[in-house]
Amino acid sequence: MQDTGRYLHARLKGWCHISLYFMGSFYAEVWLLEHCGSIGMVRTFTSQEQLEPYLKTTAMEKLVQELTH
């Protein structure tokens, strides 16, 4: 992901460290299980509504505006 996507933000949810990437025409989340260091899930989406958990920071709002304009 790091070679082809643009890293945007990260958040924690339970035991998962979730990294968000912009892939050009869609977003991808990589869910890393911290207790064992393995990827538990990769989730992709195109809807801006799915960015809601990330939009609570001003830095993310600015990034999303850059990417959509």
N, C-alpha and C. Protein backbone atom coordinates (compact mmCIF):
# COMPACT_ATOMS: atom_id res chain seq x y z
N MET A 1 0.81 -1.20 0.00
CA MET A 1 0.00 0.00 0.00
C MET A 1 0.86 1.26 0.00
N GLN A 2 1.94 1.24 0.74
CA GLN A 2 2.72 2.45 0.89
C GLN A 2 3.38 2.87 -0.41
N ASP A 3 3.60 1.96 -1.35
CA ASP A 3 4.23 2.32 -2.61
C ASP A 3 3.26 2.90 -3.62
N THR A 4 1.98 2.53 -3.55
CA THR A 4 1.04 2.97 -4.57
C THR A 4 -0.02 3.92 -4.05
N GLY A 5 -0.22 3.99 -2.76
CA GLY A 5 -1.24 4.86 -2.20
C GLY A 5 -0.63 6.00 -1.42
N ARG A 6 -1.46 6.98 -1.12
CA ARG A 6 -1.01 8.11 -0.31
C ARG A 6 -1.55 7.94 1.10
N TYR A 7 -0.66 7.79 2.06
CA TYR A 7 -1.06 7.64 3.45
C TYR A 7 -1.75 8.92 3.91
N LEU A 8 -2.90 8.77 4.57
CA LEU A 8 -3.64 9.93 5.04
C LEU A 8 -3.68 10.06 6.55
N HIS A 9 -3.98 8.97 7.23
CA HIS A 9 -4.25 9.08 8.67
C HIS A 9 -4.28 7.70 9.29
N ALA A 10 -4.23 7.66 10.62
CA ALA A 10 -4.36 6.40 11.34
C ALA A 10 -5.24 6.61 12.56
N ARG A 11 -5.85 5.54 13.00
CA ARG A 11 -6.67 5.59 14.21
C ARG A 11 -6.61 4.23 14.89
N LEU A 12 -7.02 4.21 16.15
CA LEU A 12 -7.07 2.97 16.90
C LEU A 12 -8.52 2.60 17.15
N LYS A 13 -8.79 1.31 17.05
CA LYS A 13 -10.12 0.80 17.37
C LYS A 13 -9.91 -0.57 18.02
N GLY A 14 -10.18 -0.63 19.31
CA GLY A 14 -9.94 -1.88 20.02
C GLY A 14 -8.48 -2.26 19.94
N TRP A 15 -8.22 -3.46 19.46
CA TRP A 15 -6.84 -3.95 19.33
C TRP A 15 -6.26 -3.70 17.94
N CYS A 16 -6.95 -2.91 17.14
CA CYS A 16 -6.51 -2.67 15.76
C CYS A 16 -5.96 -1.27 15.56
N HIS A 17 -4.88 -1.19 14.83
CA HIS A 17 -4.33 0.07 14.35
C HIS A 17 -4.75 0.15 12.89
N ILE A 18 -5.56 1.15 12.57
CA ILE A 18 -6.15 1.26 11.23
C ILE A 18 -5.48 2.41 10.48
N SER A 19 -4.85 2.09 9.36
CA SER A 19 -4.20 3.09 8.51
C SER A 19 -5.06 3.34 7.29
N LEU A 20 -5.24 4.61 6.96
CA LEU A 20 -6.07 5.00 5.81
C LEU A 20 -5.17 5.51 4.69
N TYR A 21 -5.44 5.02 3.47
CA TYR A 21 -4.69 5.42 2.27
C TYR A 21 -5.66 5.89 1.20
N PHE A 22 -5.23 6.88 0.42
CA PHE A 22 -5.99 7.30 -0.76
C PHE A 22 -5.29 6.67 -1.96
N MET A 23 -6.05 5.91 -2.75
CA MET A 23 -5.49 5.13 -3.85
C MET A 23 -5.78 5.74 -5.23
N GLY A 24 -6.19 6.99 -5.27
CA GLY A 24 -6.48 7.65 -6.54
C GLY A 24 -7.97 7.74 -6.81
N SER A 25 -8.63 6.60 -6.90
CA SER A 25 -10.07 6.61 -7.14
C SER A 25 -10.86 5.96 -6.00
N PHE A 26 -10.15 5.52 -4.97
CA PHE A 26 -10.82 4.92 -3.82
C PHE A 26 -9.91 5.03 -2.59
N TYR A 27 -10.47 4.71 -1.45
CA TYR A 27 -9.73 4.70 -0.19
C TYR A 27 -9.53 3.26 0.25
N ALA A 28 -8.46 3.03 1.02
CA ALA A 28 -8.21 1.69 1.56
C ALA A 28 -7.81 1.83 3.02
N GLU A 29 -8.38 0.96 3.84
CA GLU A 29 -8.00 0.87 5.24
C GLU A 29 -7.26 -0.45 5.44
N VAL A 30 -6.16 -0.40 6.17
CA VAL A 30 -5.42 -1.60 6.53
C VAL A 30 -5.54 -1.74 8.05
N TRP A 31 -6.18 -2.82 8.47
CA TRP A 31 -6.41 -3.09 9.89
C TRP A 31 -5.32 -4.01 10.39
N LEU A 32 -4.41 -3.49 11.21
CA LEU A 32 -3.31 -4.26 11.76
C LEU A 32 -3.67 -4.70 13.18
N LEU A 33 -3.62 -5.98 13.43
CA LEU A 33 -3.87 -6.51 14.77
C LEU A 33 -2.61 -6.32 15.60
N GLU A 34 -2.65 -5.38 16.52
CA GLU A 34 -1.44 -5.01 17.26
C GLU A 34 -0.87 -6.13 18.11
N HIS A 35 -1.71 -6.96 18.67
CA HIS A 35 -1.21 -8.00 19.58
C HIS A 35 -0.41 -9.08 18.86
N CYS A 36 -0.62 -9.26 17.56
CA CYS A 36 0.16 -10.27 16.85
C CYS A 36 0.89 -9.72 15.63
N GLY A 37 0.72 -8.42 15.33
CA GLY A 37 1.46 -7.80 14.25
C GLY A 37 1.08 -8.27 12.85
N SER A 38 -0.15 -8.77 12.69
CA SER A 38 -0.57 -9.22 11.36
C SER A 38 -1.77 -8.42 10.88
N ILE A 39 -1.96 -8.41 9.58
CA ILE A 39 -3.08 -7.70 8.98
C ILE A 39 -4.33 -8.53 9.17
N GLY A 40 -5.33 -7.93 9.80
CA GLY A 40 -6.59 -8.62 10.05
C GLY A 40 -7.59 -8.40 8.93
N MET A 41 -7.49 -7.25 8.25
CA MET A 41 -8.46 -6.94 7.21
C MET A 41 -7.95 -5.77 6.37
N VAL A 42 -8.32 -5.76 5.11
CA VAL A 42 -8.14 -4.61 4.23
C VAL A 42 -9.52 -4.27 3.71
N ARG A 43 -9.93 -3.03 3.90
CA ARG A 43 -11.26 -2.60 3.49
C ARG A 43 -11.12 -1.45 2.51
N THR A 44 -11.83 -1.50 1.39
CA THR A 44 -11.80 -0.42 0.41
C THR A 44 -13.18 0.20 0.30
N PHE A 45 -13.20 1.48 -0.06
CA PHE A 45 -14.47 2.18 -0.25
C PHE A 45 -14.26 3.43 -1.08
N THR A 46 -15.35 3.94 -1.66
CA THR A 46 -15.29 5.17 -2.45
C THR A 46 -16.13 6.28 -1.83
N SER A 47 -17.00 5.95 -0.92
CA SER A 47 -17.91 6.92 -0.32
C SER A 47 -17.21 7.82 0.68
N GLN A 48 -17.44 9.12 0.55
CA GLN A 48 -16.90 10.08 1.52
C GLN A 48 -17.50 9.84 2.91
N GLU A 49 -18.70 9.30 2.95
CA GLU A 49 -19.35 9.02 4.24
C GLU A 49 -18.54 8.04 5.08
N GLN A 50 -17.80 7.14 4.45
CA GLN A 50 -16.99 6.17 5.17
C GLN A 50 -15.76 6.80 5.84
N LEU A 51 -15.50 8.07 5.51
CA LEU A 51 -14.38 8.78 6.12
C LEU A 51 -14.74 9.39 7.47
N GLU A 52 -15.99 9.29 7.86
CA GLU A 52 -16.48 9.93 9.08
C GLU A 52 -15.59 9.72 10.31
N PRO A 53 -15.12 8.50 10.59
CA PRO A 53 -14.28 8.33 11.78
C PRO A 53 -12.98 9.15 11.75
N TYR A 54 -12.56 9.56 10.57
CA TYR A 54 -11.30 10.30 10.42
C TYR A 54 -11.50 11.81 10.42
N LEU A 55 -12.70 12.24 10.13
CA LEU A 55 -12.95 13.67 9.92
C LEU A 55 -13.03 14.48 11.20
N LYS A 56 -12.75 13.87 12.31
CA LYS A 56 -12.81 14.59 13.58
C LYS A 56 -11.59 15.46 13.83
N THR A 57 -10.61 15.39 12.95
CA THR A 57 -9.42 16.23 13.08
C THR A 57 -9.35 17.22 11.93
N THR A 58 -8.88 18.41 12.21
CA THR A 58 -8.79 19.43 11.16
C THR A 58 -7.79 19.04 10.09
N ALA A 59 -6.73 18.34 10.47
CA ALA A 59 -5.74 17.93 9.48
C ALA A 59 -6.38 17.03 8.42
N MET A 60 -7.25 16.13 8.84
CA MET A 60 -7.93 15.25 7.88
C MET A 60 -8.87 16.03 6.98
N GLU A 61 -9.58 17.00 7.51
CA GLU A 61 -10.50 17.79 6.69
C GLU A 61 -9.74 18.48 5.55
N LYS A 62 -8.59 19.02 5.86
CA LYS A 62 -7.78 19.70 4.84
C LYS A 62 -7.29 18.71 3.78
N LEU A 63 -6.86 17.52 4.19
CA LEU A 63 -6.41 16.51 3.24
C LEU A 63 -7.53 16.08 2.30
N VAL A 64 -8.71 15.86 2.84
CA VAL A 64 -9.84 15.43 2.01
C VAL A 64 -10.19 16.53 1.01
N GLN A 65 -10.15 17.78 1.41
CA GLN A 65 -10.43 18.88 0.49
C GLN A 65 -9.40 18.90 -0.64
N GLU A 66 -8.14 18.69 -0.31
CA GLU A 66 -7.08 18.65 -1.34
C GLU A 66 -7.34 17.54 -2.35
N LEU A 67 -7.72 16.37 -1.86
CA LEU A 67 -7.89 15.21 -2.73
C LEU A 67 -9.12 15.29 -3.61
N THR A 68 -10.15 15.99 -3.15
CA THR A 68 -11.39 16.02 -3.92
C THR A 68 -11.51 17.24 -4.83
N HIS A 69 -10.54 18.14 -4.77
CA HIS A 69 -10.61 19.33 -5.65
C HIS A 69 -9.52 19.36 -6.66
